[in-house]
Amino acid sequence: MSGARSRHRTLIITDDEEESVKEEEQNPFSFKEFLRSKNLDSDPDQDPDQEQDQDQDQPDSDERPLEELEGQAWGRSWVSGGGVLSGSLAAEQEEEVTRFDSLLHEDDEDDDEDQSRRSYEGDDETSILDQPSSTSLLQVKQENQQLKKTIAELRQESVRNHSRAAQLSEELLQWRQREQQEALDLETMVQSVEHNLRVMTKRALKAEATVAKLRTELKQLQVQAEQVQAENVELRASESTMKQNALTASEKLQETASHAHHSVRRLLSEAESLKFVSELLRSIDRMSSVH
């Protein structure tokens, strides 16, 4: 596995993917082997062992951007699967897919040139060498078709990500507006509650002052009530004394009236006796004058 792919796919690489990459490197009909064979054909004087050592020490210049783009495409597809791609990330993905597509077109053109060059070689050794090359060419074409399908899918995914990013941006804007409105409503409610608390505090202080004043007045009224109760006790005591005095005076008056009544009766009886004596004396005087 190349260094670029290991950098871009650190988060998502699995054991199955490592095995598939190893199988791809060991496959003689893979895209890497085709590029190596193409380089060997373009420079036949170069030592194969030296070419192999150079391939092991340093990746091919055409292979590196392809692996980097593939790793970036894997990373972008992993991020987009989570549903968190932004608009700038989707644009970057589309640009990388376009670069990947142009690189594939350049590889197709190189394949066509190589195929046309190989068609003019008519010796037996070249014909023997062209048989695996044609097989690898078909394999590469199939891989190119699969890569084109992958690019089309990535483009569709990019369009979907664009629409999803626009939708998420709109939802985020609506959510921020709603949050701002809720914050304003909450601030208004807090101000109203603070105003009500201030009013309630004033009312509570006023009520406490009124309660203290009423308690003072209640104490004064209790003192006055005690004084009135003492006066009532005194009045009740004096009233009982007055009743006793009145009863005694009434009894004395009744005794005096009874005694006066007896005295008047006796005086009347004596007055009648005197009147009878007076009439008797008159009659005696008349009798004496007649004689």
C-alpha atoms as a PDB file:
ATOM      1  CA  MET A   1       0.000   0.000   0.000  1.00  0.00           C
ATOM      2  CA  SER A   2       1.342   3.450  -0.937  1.00  0.00           C
ATOM      3  CA  GLY A   3       2.136   6.263   1.495  1.00  0.00           C
ATOM      4  CA  ALA A   4      -0.563   8.573   0.099  1.00  0.00           C
ATOM      5  CA  ARG A   5      -3.280   5.995   0.545  1.00  0.00           C
ATOM      6  CA  SER A   6      -2.153   5.232   4.083  1.00  0.00           C
ATOM      7  CA  ARG A   7      -2.295   8.976   4.878  1.00  0.00           C
ATOM      8  CA  HIS A   8      -5.807   9.488   3.505  1.00  0.00           C
ATOM      9  CA  ARG A   9      -7.341   6.217   4.713  1.00  0.00           C
ATOM     10  CA  THR A  10      -5.969   5.976   8.212  1.00  0.00           C
ATOM     11  CA  LEU A  11      -9.427   6.292   9.792  1.00  0.00           C
ATOM     12  CA  ILE A  12     -11.356   3.873   7.572  1.00  0.00           C
ATOM     13  CA  ILE A  13      -8.902   1.151   6.554  1.00  0.00           C
ATOM     14  CA  THR A  14      -9.783  -2.411   7.616  1.00  0.00           C
ATOM     15  CA  ASP A  15      -8.138  -5.831   7.432  1.00  0.00           C
ATOM     16  CA  ASP A  16     -10.252  -6.812   4.430  1.00  0.00           C
ATOM     17  CA  GLU A  17      -9.096  -3.732   2.534  1.00  0.00           C
ATOM     18  CA  GLU A  18      -5.449  -4.497   3.361  1.00  0.00           C
ATOM     19  CA  GLU A  19      -5.876  -8.011   2.018  1.00  0.00           C
ATOM     20  CA  SER A  20      -7.546  -6.682  -1.158  1.00  0.00           C
ATOM     21  CA  VAL A  21      -4.659  -4.209  -1.676  1.00  0.00           C
ATOM     22  CA  LYS A  22      -2.095  -6.980  -1.202  1.00  0.00           C
ATOM     23  CA  GLU A  23      -3.949  -9.160  -3.699  1.00  0.00           C
ATOM     24  CA  GLU A  24      -4.018  -6.225  -6.127  1.00  0.00           C
ATOM     25  CA  GLU A  25      -0.252  -5.776  -5.784  1.00  0.00           C
ATOM     26  CA  GLN A  26       0.304  -9.491  -6.337  1.00  0.00           C
ATOM     27  CA  ASN A  27      -2.076  -9.649  -9.324  1.00  0.00           C
ATOM     28  CA  PRO A  28      -0.060  -9.537 -12.597  1.00  0.00           C
ATOM     29  CA  PHE A  29      -3.092  -8.149 -14.460  1.00  0.00           C
ATOM     30  CA  SER A  30      -3.694  -5.227 -12.120  1.00  0.00           C
ATOM     31  CA  PHE A  31      -3.449  -1.578 -13.099  1.00  0.00           C
ATOM     32  CA  LYS A  32      -0.097  -1.235 -11.308  1.00  0.00           C
ATOM     33  CA  GLU A  33       1.448  -4.118 -13.210  1.00  0.00           C
ATOM     34  CA  PHE A  34       0.142  -2.637 -16.458  1.00  0.00           C
ATOM     35  CA  LEU A  35       1.818   0.687 -15.725  1.00  0.00           C
ATOM     36  CA  ARG A  36       5.052  -1.090 -14.852  1.00  0.00           C
ATOM     37  CA  SER A  37       4.958  -3.112 -18.075  1.00  0.00           C
ATOM     38  CA  LYS A  38       4.260   0.083 -20.022  1.00  0.00           C
ATOM     39  CA  ASN A  39       7.319   1.712 -18.451  1.00  0.00           C
ATOM     40  CA  LEU A  40       9.394  -1.344 -19.313  1.00  0.00           C
ATOM     41  CA  ASP A  41       8.210  -1.174 -22.922  1.00  0.00           C
ATOM     42  CA  SER A  42       9.010   2.524 -23.153  1.00  0.00           C
ATOM     43  CA  ASP A  43      12.572   1.937 -21.777  1.00  0.00           C
ATOM     44  CA  PRO A  44      13.701  -1.545 -22.906  1.00  0.00           C
ATOM     45  CA  ASP A  45      17.403  -0.879 -22.135  1.00  0.00           C
ATOM     46  CA  GLN A  46      16.725  -0.407 -18.454  1.00  0.00           C
ATOM     47  CA  ASP A  47      17.557  -3.287 -16.170  1.00  0.00           C
ATOM     48  CA  PRO A  48      14.387  -5.030 -14.877  1.00  0.00           C
ATOM     49  CA  ASP A  49      15.969  -5.596 -11.502  1.00  0.00           C
ATOM     50  CA  GLN A  50      16.855  -1.922 -11.280  1.00  0.00           C
ATOM     51  CA  GLU A  51      13.329  -1.034 -12.377  1.00  0.00           C
ATOM     52  CA  GLN A  52      11.897  -3.286  -9.706  1.00  0.00           C
ATOM     53  CA  ASP A  53      14.151  -1.758  -7.054  1.00  0.00           C
ATOM     54  CA  GLN A  54      13.096   1.710  -8.116  1.00  0.00           C
ATOM     55  CA  ASP A  55       9.460   0.669  -7.974  1.00  0.00           C
ATOM     56  CA  GLN A  56       9.933  -0.686  -4.474  1.00  0.00           C
ATOM     57  CA  ASP A  57      11.857   2.360  -3.219  1.00  0.00           C
ATOM     58  CA  GLN A  58       9.710   5.038  -4.859  1.00  0.00           C
ATOM     59  CA  PRO A  59       6.130   4.824  -6.287  1.00  0.00           C
ATOM     60  CA  ASP A  60       5.523   5.609  -9.971  1.00  0.00           C
ATOM     61  CA  SER A  61       4.725   9.254 -10.844  1.00  0.00           C
ATOM     62  CA  ASP A  62       1.483   8.258 -12.616  1.00  0.00           C
ATOM     63  CA  GLU A  63       0.521   5.803  -9.889  1.00  0.00           C
ATOM     64  CA  ARG A  64       0.892   8.208  -6.954  1.00  0.00           C
ATOM     65  CA  PRO A  65      -1.839  10.727  -7.923  1.00  0.00           C
ATOM     66  CA  LEU A  66      -4.156   7.851  -8.840  1.00  0.00           C
ATOM     67  CA  GLU A  67      -3.717   6.277  -5.400  1.00  0.00           C
ATOM     68  CA  GLU A  68      -3.968   9.674  -3.729  1.00  0.00           C
ATOM     69  CA  LEU A  69      -7.202  10.407  -5.568  1.00  0.00           C
ATOM     70  CA  GLU A  70      -8.526   6.965  -4.753  1.00  0.00           C
ATOM     71  CA  GLY A  71      -7.671   7.433  -1.063  1.00  0.00           C
ATOM     72  CA  GLN A  72      -9.232  10.901  -1.057  1.00  0.00           C
ATOM     73  CA  ALA A  73     -12.326   9.513  -2.764  1.00  0.00           C
ATOM     74  CA  TRP A  74     -12.535   6.822  -0.086  1.00  0.00           C
ATOM     75  CA  GLY A  75     -12.160   9.475   2.632  1.00  0.00           C
ATOM     76  CA  ARG A  76     -14.786  11.736   1.067  1.00  0.00           C
ATOM     77  CA  SER A  77     -17.228   8.847   0.627  1.00  0.00           C
ATOM     78  CA  TRP A  78     -16.698   7.870   4.253  1.00  0.00           C
ATOM     79  CA  VAL A  79     -17.411  11.462   5.426  1.00  0.00           C
ATOM     80  CA  SER A  80     -20.418  11.816   3.148  1.00  0.00           C
ATOM     81  CA  GLY A  81     -21.845   8.542   4.479  1.00  0.00           C
ATOM     82  CA  GLY A  82     -22.049  10.211   7.875  1.00  0.00           C
ATOM     83  CA  GLY A  83     -24.083  13.099   6.469  1.00  0.00           C
ATOM     84  CA  VAL A  84     -21.721  15.872   7.574  1.00  0.00           C
ATOM     85  CA  LEU A  85     -20.265  17.138   4.236  1.00  0.00           C
ATOM     86  CA  SER A  86     -20.213  20.886   3.855  1.00  0.00           C
ATOM     87  CA  GLY A  87     -20.484  22.835   0.605  1.00  0.00           C
ATOM     88  CA  SER A  88     -16.713  23.474   0.335  1.00  0.00           C
ATOM     89  CA  LEU A  89     -15.940  19.778   0.971  1.00  0.00           C
ATOM     90  CA  ALA A  90     -18.371  18.726  -1.760  1.00  0.00           C
ATOM     91  CA  ALA A  91     -16.752  21.198  -4.185  1.00  0.00           C
ATOM     92  CA  GLU A  92     -13.308  19.837  -3.325  1.00  0.00           C
ATOM     93  CA  GLN A  93     -14.580  16.301  -3.881  1.00  0.00           C
ATOM     94  CA  GLU A  94     -15.988  17.231  -7.287  1.00  0.00           C
ATOM     95  CA  GLU A  95     -12.661  18.839  -8.269  1.00  0.00           C
ATOM     96  CA  GLU A  96     -10.753  15.727  -7.216  1.00  0.00           C
ATOM     97  CA  VAL A  97     -13.176  13.496  -9.124  1.00  0.00           C
ATOM     98  CA  THR A  98     -12.616  15.656 -12.216  1.00  0.00           C
ATOM     99  CA  ARG A  99      -8.844  15.304 -11.834  1.00  0.00           C
ATOM    100  CA  PHE A 100      -9.274  11.574 -11.370  1.00  0.00           C
ATOM    101  CA  ASP A 101     -11.405  11.396 -14.529  1.00  0.00           C
ATOM    102  CA  SER A 102      -8.843  13.384 -16.557  1.00  0.00           C
ATOM    103  CA  LEU A 103      -6.083  11.082 -15.320  1.00  0.00           C
ATOM    104  CA  LEU A 104      -8.090   8.062 -16.425  1.00  0.00           C
ATOM    105  CA  HIS A 105      -8.624   9.633 -19.855  1.00  0.00           C
ATOM    106  CA  GLU A 106      -4.864  10.184 -20.141  1.00  0.00           C
ATOM    107  CA  ASP A 107      -4.292   6.545 -19.200  1.00  0.00           C
ATOM    108  CA  ASP A 108      -6.805   5.485 -21.876  1.00  0.00           C
ATOM    109  CA  GLU A 109      -4.943   7.565 -24.467  1.00  0.00           C
ATOM    110  CA  ASP A 110      -1.624   6.036 -23.403  1.00  0.00           C
ATOM    111  CA  ASP A 111      -3.203   2.586 -23.671  1.00  0.00           C
ATOM    112  CA  ASP A 112      -4.438   3.355 -27.184  1.00  0.00           C
ATOM    113  CA  GLU A 113      -0.994   4.620 -28.240  1.00  0.00           C
ATOM    114  CA  ASP A 114       0.669   1.582 -26.728  1.00  0.00           C
ATOM    115  CA  GLN A 115      -1.797  -0.713 -28.466  1.00  0.00           C
ATOM    116  CA  SER A 116      -1.222   1.012 -31.843  1.00  0.00           C
ATOM    117  CA  ARG A 117       2.551   0.784 -31.319  1.00  0.00           C
ATOM    118  CA  ARG A 118       2.347  -2.869 -30.429  1.00  0.00           C
ATOM    119  CA  SER A 119       0.212  -3.617 -33.489  1.00  0.00           C
ATOM    120  CA  TYR A 120       3.126  -2.661 -35.773  1.00  0.00           C
ATOM    121  CA  GLU A 121       5.543  -5.112 -34.142  1.00  0.00           C
ATOM    122  CA  GLY A 122       5.283  -8.310 -36.158  1.00  0.00           C
ATOM    123  CA  ASP A 123       8.058 -10.499 -34.901  1.00  0.00           C
ATOM    124  CA  ASP A 124       7.394 -13.656 -32.903  1.00  0.00           C
ATOM    125  CA  GLU A 125       8.891 -12.391 -29.676  1.00  0.00           C
ATOM    126  CA  THR A 126       6.658  -9.289 -29.716  1.00  0.00           C
ATOM    127  CA  SER A 127       3.603 -11.420 -30.484  1.00  0.00           C
ATOM    128  CA  ILE A 128       4.421 -13.619 -27.513  1.00  0.00           C
ATOM    129  CA  LEU A 129       4.802 -10.544 -25.299  1.00  0.00           C
ATOM    130  CA  ASP A 130       1.581  -8.944 -26.631  1.00  0.00           C
ATOM    131  CA  GLN A 131      -0.608 -11.835 -25.474  1.00  0.00           C
ATOM    132  CA  PRO A 132      -0.371 -11.064 -21.725  1.00  0.00           C
ATOM    133  CA  SER A 133      -0.347  -7.355 -22.566  1.00  0.00           C
ATOM    134  CA  SER A 134      -3.643  -7.663 -24.453  1.00  0.00           C
ATOM    135  CA  THR A 135      -5.091  -9.625 -21.558  1.00  0.00           C
ATOM    136  CA  SER A 136      -3.896  -6.974 -19.127  1.00  0.00           C
ATOM    137  CA  LEU A 137      -5.256  -4.319 -21.496  1.00  0.00           C
ATOM    138  CA  LEU A 138      -8.705  -5.900 -21.362  1.00  0.00           C
ATOM    139  CA  GLN A 139      -8.397  -6.095 -17.623  1.00  0.00           C
ATOM    140  CA  VAL A 140      -7.391  -2.428 -17.512  1.00  0.00           C
ATOM    141  CA  LYS A 141     -10.319  -1.492 -19.740  1.00  0.00           C
ATOM    142  CA  GLN A 142     -12.675  -3.350 -17.440  1.00  0.00           C
ATOM    143  CA  GLU A 143     -11.112  -1.577 -14.497  1.00  0.00           C
ATOM    144  CA  ASN A 144     -11.474   1.718 -16.351  1.00  0.00           C
ATOM    145  CA  GLN A 145     -15.146   1.015 -16.957  1.00  0.00           C
ATOM    146  CA  GLN A 146     -15.596   0.229 -13.283  1.00  0.00           C
ATOM    147  CA  LEU A 147     -13.713   3.387 -12.383  1.00  0.00           C
ATOM    148  CA  LYS A 148     -15.905   5.415 -14.738  1.00  0.00           C
ATOM    149  CA  LYS A 149     -18.963   3.944 -13.069  1.00  0.00           C
ATOM    150  CA  THR A 150     -17.415   4.813  -9.726  1.00  0.00           C
ATOM    151  CA  ILE A 151     -16.783   8.360 -10.976  1.00  0.00           C
ATOM    152  CA  ALA A 152     -20.396   8.646 -12.152  1.00  0.00           C
ATOM    153  CA  GLU A 153     -21.579   7.400  -8.780  1.00  0.00           C
ATOM    154  CA  LEU A 154     -19.226   9.844  -7.066  1.00  0.00           C
ATOM    155  CA  ARG A 155     -20.600  12.661  -9.200  1.00  0.00           C
ATOM    156  CA  GLN A 156     -24.146  11.674  -8.299  1.00  0.00           C
ATOM    157  CA  GLU A 157     -23.059  11.459  -4.686  1.00  0.00           C
ATOM    158  CA  SER A 158     -21.473  14.899  -5.049  1.00  0.00           C
ATOM    159  CA  VAL A 159     -24.736  16.316  -6.437  1.00  0.00           C
ATOM    160  CA  ARG A 160     -26.642  14.702  -3.605  1.00  0.00           C
ATOM    161  CA  ASN A 161     -24.099  16.075  -1.158  1.00  0.00           C
ATOM    162  CA  HIS A 162     -24.502  19.534  -2.697  1.00  0.00           C
ATOM    163  CA  SER A 163     -28.272  19.370  -2.272  1.00  0.00           C
ATOM    164  CA  ARG A 164     -27.882  17.878   1.181  1.00  0.00           C
ATOM    165  CA  ALA A 165     -25.407  20.617   2.144  1.00  0.00           C
ATOM    166  CA  ALA A 166     -27.792  23.289   0.830  1.00  0.00           C
ATOM    167  CA  GLN A 167     -30.656  21.696   2.742  1.00  0.00           C
ATOM    168  CA  LEU A 168     -28.543  21.466   5.894  1.00  0.00           C
ATOM    169  CA  SER A 169     -27.451  25.077   5.458  1.00  0.00           C
ATOM    170  CA  GLU A 170     -31.073  26.157   5.143  1.00  0.00           C
ATOM    171  CA  GLU A 171     -32.046  24.061   8.156  1.00  0.00           C
ATOM    172  CA  LEU A 172     -29.104  25.520  10.088  1.00  0.00           C
ATOM    173  CA  LEU A 173     -30.204  29.040   9.143  1.00  0.00           C
ATOM    174  CA  GLN A 174     -33.776  28.289  10.194  1.00  0.00           C
ATOM    175  CA  TRP A 175     -32.522  26.690  13.396  1.00  0.00           C
ATOM    176  CA  ARG A 176     -30.372  29.746  14.165  1.00  0.00           C
ATOM    177  CA  GLN A 177     -33.275  32.087  13.443  1.00  0.00           C
ATOM    178  CA  ARG A 178     -35.546  29.986  15.638  1.00  0.00           C
ATOM    179  CA  GLU A 179     -32.893  29.862  18.360  1.00  0.00           C
ATOM    180  CA  GLN A 180     -32.426  33.632  18.107  1.00  0.00           C
ATOM    181  CA  GLN A 181     -36.189  34.158  18.369  1.00  0.00           C
ATOM    182  CA  GLU A 182     -36.357  31.780  21.323  1.00  0.00           C
ATOM    183  CA  ALA A 183     -33.464  33.658  22.945  1.00  0.00           C
ATOM    184  CA  LEU A 184     -35.308  36.965  22.442  1.00  0.00           C
ATOM    185  CA  ASP A 185     -38.514  35.457  23.856  1.00  0.00           C
ATOM    186  CA  LEU A 186     -36.570  34.033  26.779  1.00  0.00           C
ATOM    187  CA  GLU A 187     -34.904  37.387  27.419  1.00  0.00           C
ATOM    188  CA  THR A 188     -38.296  39.121  27.292  1.00  0.00           C
ATOM    189  CA  MET A 189     -39.721  36.547  29.687  1.00  0.00           C
ATOM    190  CA  VAL A 190     -36.748  36.972  32.034  1.00  0.00           C
ATOM    191  CA  GLN A 191     -37.199  40.750  31.990  1.00  0.00           C
ATOM    192  CA  SER A 192     -40.913  40.315  32.708  1.00  0.00           C
ATOM    193  CA  VAL A 193     -40.132  37.928  35.560  1.00  0.00           C
ATOM    194  CA  GLU A 194     -37.558  40.359  36.969  1.00  0.00           C
ATOM    195  CA  HIS A 195     -40.096  43.198  36.776  1.00  0.00           C
ATOM    196  CA  ASN A 196     -42.698  41.040  38.516  1.00  0.00           C
ATOM    197  CA  LEU A 197     -40.146  40.108  41.166  1.00  0.00           C
ATOM    198  CA  ARG A 198     -39.349  43.772  41.790  1.00  0.00           C
ATOM    199  CA  VAL A 199     -43.062  44.581  42.074  1.00  0.00           C
ATOM    200  CA  MET A 200     -43.598  41.603  44.389  1.00  0.00           C
ATOM    201  CA  THR A 201     -40.616  42.682  46.491  1.00  0.00           C
ATOM    202  CA  LYS A 202     -42.037  46.186  46.856  1.00  0.00           C
ATOM    203  CA  ARG A 203     -45.423  44.762  47.771  1.00  0.00           C
ATOM    204  CA  ALA A 204     -43.816  42.406  50.288  1.00  0.00           C
ATOM    205  CA  LEU A 205     -41.888  45.274  51.908  1.00  0.00           C
ATOM    206  CA  LYS A 206     -45.044  47.379  52.015  1.00  0.00           C
ATOM    207  CA  ALA A 207     -46.986  44.469  53.491  1.00  0.00           C
ATOM    208  CA  GLU A 208     -44.278  43.939  56.120  1.00  0.00           C
ATOM    209  CA  ALA A 209     -44.437  47.640  57.062  1.00  0.00           C
ATOM    210  CA  THR A 210     -48.239  47.427  57.257  1.00  0.00           C
ATOM    211  CA  VAL A 211     -48.003  44.293  59.399  1.00  0.00           C
ATOM    212  CA  ALA A 212     -45.545  46.000  61.766  1.00  0.00           C
ATOM    213  CA  LYS A 213     -47.848  49.029  62.021  1.00  0.00           C
ATOM    214  CA  LEU A 214     -50.869  46.801  62.648  1.00  0.00           C
ATOM    215  CA  ARG A 215     -48.958  44.917  65.323  1.00  0.00           C
ATOM    216  CA  THR A 216     -48.172  48.230  67.077  1.00  0.00           C
ATOM    217  CA  GLU A 217     -51.813  49.284  66.841  1.00  0.00           C
ATOM    218  CA  LEU A 218     -52.866  45.864  68.109  1.00  0.00           C
ATOM    219  CA  LYS A 219     -50.634  46.232  71.145  1.00  0.00           C
ATOM    220  CA  GLN A 220     -52.104  49.670  71.808  1.00  0.00           C
ATOM    221  CA  LEU A 221     -55.625  48.300  71.448  1.00  0.00           C
ATOM    222  CA  GLN A 222     -54.773  45.448  73.794  1.00  0.00           C
ATOM    223  CA  VAL A 223     -53.586  47.986  76.405  1.00  0.00           C
ATOM    224  CA  GLN A 224     -56.762  50.016  75.907  1.00  0.00           C
ATOM    225  CA  ALA A 225     -58.868  46.866  76.165  1.00  0.00           C
ATOM    226  CA  GLU A 226     -57.183  45.993  79.433  1.00  0.00           C
ATOM    227  CA  GLN A 227     -57.903  49.504  80.725  1.00  0.00           C
ATOM    228  CA  VAL A 228     -61.538  49.259  79.624  1.00  0.00           C
ATOM    229  CA  GLN A 229     -61.836  45.879  81.292  1.00  0.00           C
ATOM    230  CA  ALA A 230     -60.458  47.354  84.527  1.00  0.00           C
ATOM    231  CA  GLU A 231     -62.923  50.241  84.279  1.00  0.00           C
ATOM    232  CA  ASN A 232     -65.741  47.788  83.675  1.00  0.00           C
ATOM    233  CA  VAL A 233     -64.743  45.862  86.755  1.00  0.00           C
ATOM    234  CA  GLU A 234     -64.718  49.078  88.751  1.00  0.00           C
ATOM    235  CA  LEU A 235     -68.077  50.133  87.306  1.00  0.00           C
ATOM    236  CA  ARG A 236     -69.546  46.760  88.070  1.00  0.00           C
ATOM    237  CA  ALA A 237     -68.251  47.024  91.617  1.00  0.00           C
ATOM    238  CA  SER A 238     -69.676  50.566  92.025  1.00  0.00           C
ATOM    239  CA  GLU A 239     -72.940  49.454  90.439  1.00  0.00           C
ATOM    240  CA  SER A 240     -73.331  46.672  92.950  1.00  0.00           C
ATOM    241  CA  THR A 241     -72.630  49.200  95.732  1.00  0.00           C
ATOM    242  CA  MET A 242     -75.192  51.595  94.296  1.00  0.00           C
ATOM    243  CA  LYS A 243     -77.719  48.801  94.036  1.00  0.00           C
ATOM    244  CA  GLN A 244     -77.109  47.904  97.637  1.00  0.00           C
ATOM    245  CA  ASN A 245     -77.471  51.552  98.709  1.00  0.00           C
ATOM    246  CA  ALA A 246     -80.637  51.954  96.638  1.00  0.00           C
ATOM    247  CA  LEU A 247     -82.106  48.818  98.141  1.00  0.00           C
ATOM    248  CA  THR A 248     -81.359  50.055 101.658  1.00  0.00           C
ATOM    249  CA  ALA A 249     -82.844  53.493 100.912  1.00  0.00           C
ATOM    250  CA  SER A 250     -85.929  51.868  99.409  1.00  0.00           C
ATOM    251  CA  GLU A 251     -86.424  49.742 102.469  1.00  0.00           C
ATOM    252  CA  LYS A 252     -86.081  52.802 104.717  1.00  0.00           C
ATOM    253  CA  LEU A 253     -88.514  54.780 102.572  1.00  0.00           C
ATOM    254  CA  GLN A 254     -91.008  51.948 102.734  1.00  0.00           C
ATOM    255  CA  GLU A 255     -90.698  51.847 106.504  1.00  0.00           C
ATOM    256  CA  THR A 256     -91.132  55.644 106.705  1.00  0.00           C
ATOM    257  CA  ALA A 257     -94.160  55.555 104.414  1.00  0.00           C
ATOM    258  CA  SER A 258     -95.745  52.805 106.461  1.00  0.00           C
ATOM    259  CA  HIS A 259     -95.100  54.684 109.680  1.00  0.00           C
ATOM    260  CA  ALA A 260     -96.511  57.890 108.151  1.00  0.00           C
ATOM    261  CA  HIS A 261     -99.557  56.014 106.947  1.00  0.00           C
ATOM    262  CA  HIS A 262    -100.245  54.750 110.452  1.00  0.00           C
ATOM    263  CA  SER A 263     -99.687  58.220 111.818  1.00  0.00           C
ATOM    264  CA  VAL A 264    -102.134  59.721 109.298  1.00  0.00           C
ATOM    265  CA  ARG A 265    -104.758  57.105 110.153  1.00  0.00           C
ATOM    266  CA  ARG A 266    -104.381  57.793 113.820  1.00  0.00           C
ATOM    267  CA  LEU A 267    -104.604  61.536 113.186  1.00  0.00           C
ATOM    268  CA  LEU A 268    -107.780  61.030 111.136  1.00  0.00           C
ATOM    269  CA  SER A 269    -109.352  58.927 113.840  1.00  0.00           C
ATOM    270  CA  GLU A 270    -108.461  61.533 116.448  1.00  0.00           C
ATOM    271  CA  ALA A 271    -109.823  64.283 114.146  1.00  0.00           C
ATOM    272  CA  GLU A 272    -113.134  62.426 113.883  1.00  0.00           C
ATOM    273  CA  SER A 273    -113.204  62.019 117.641  1.00  0.00           C
ATOM    274  CA  LEU A 274    -112.631  65.733 118.061  1.00  0.00           C
ATOM    275  CA  LYS A 275    -115.334  66.483 115.524  1.00  0.00           C
ATOM    276  CA  PHE A 276    -117.764  64.207 117.367  1.00  0.00           C
ATOM    277  CA  VAL A 277    -116.924  65.935 120.654  1.00  0.00           C
ATOM    278  CA  SER A 278    -117.470  69.311 119.011  1.00  0.00           C
ATOM    279  CA  GLU A 279    -120.889  68.312 117.717  1.00  0.00           C
ATOM    280  CA  LEU A 280    -121.766  66.881 121.085  1.00  0.00           C
ATOM    281  CA  LEU A 281    -120.888  70.137 122.779  1.00  0.00           C
ATOM    282  CA  ARG A 282    -123.013  72.038 120.301  1.00  0.00           C
ATOM    283  CA  SER A 283    -125.968  69.878 120.960  1.00  0.00           C
ATOM    284  CA  ILE A 284    -125.532  70.353 124.702  1.00  0.00           C
ATOM    285  CA  ASP A 285    -125.365  74.089 124.183  1.00  0.00           C
ATOM    286  CA  ARG A 286    -128.577  74.029 122.187  1.00  0.00           C
ATOM    287  CA  MET A 287    -130.288  72.002 124.797  1.00  0.00           C
ATOM    288  CA  SER A 288    -129.266  74.424 127.470  1.00  0.00           C
ATOM    289  CA  SER A 289    -130.486  77.397 125.470  1.00  0.00           C
ATOM    290  CA  VAL A 290    -133.872  75.816 125.036  1.00  0.00           C
ATOM    291  CA  HIS A 291    -134.281  75.376 128.752  1.00  0.00           C
END
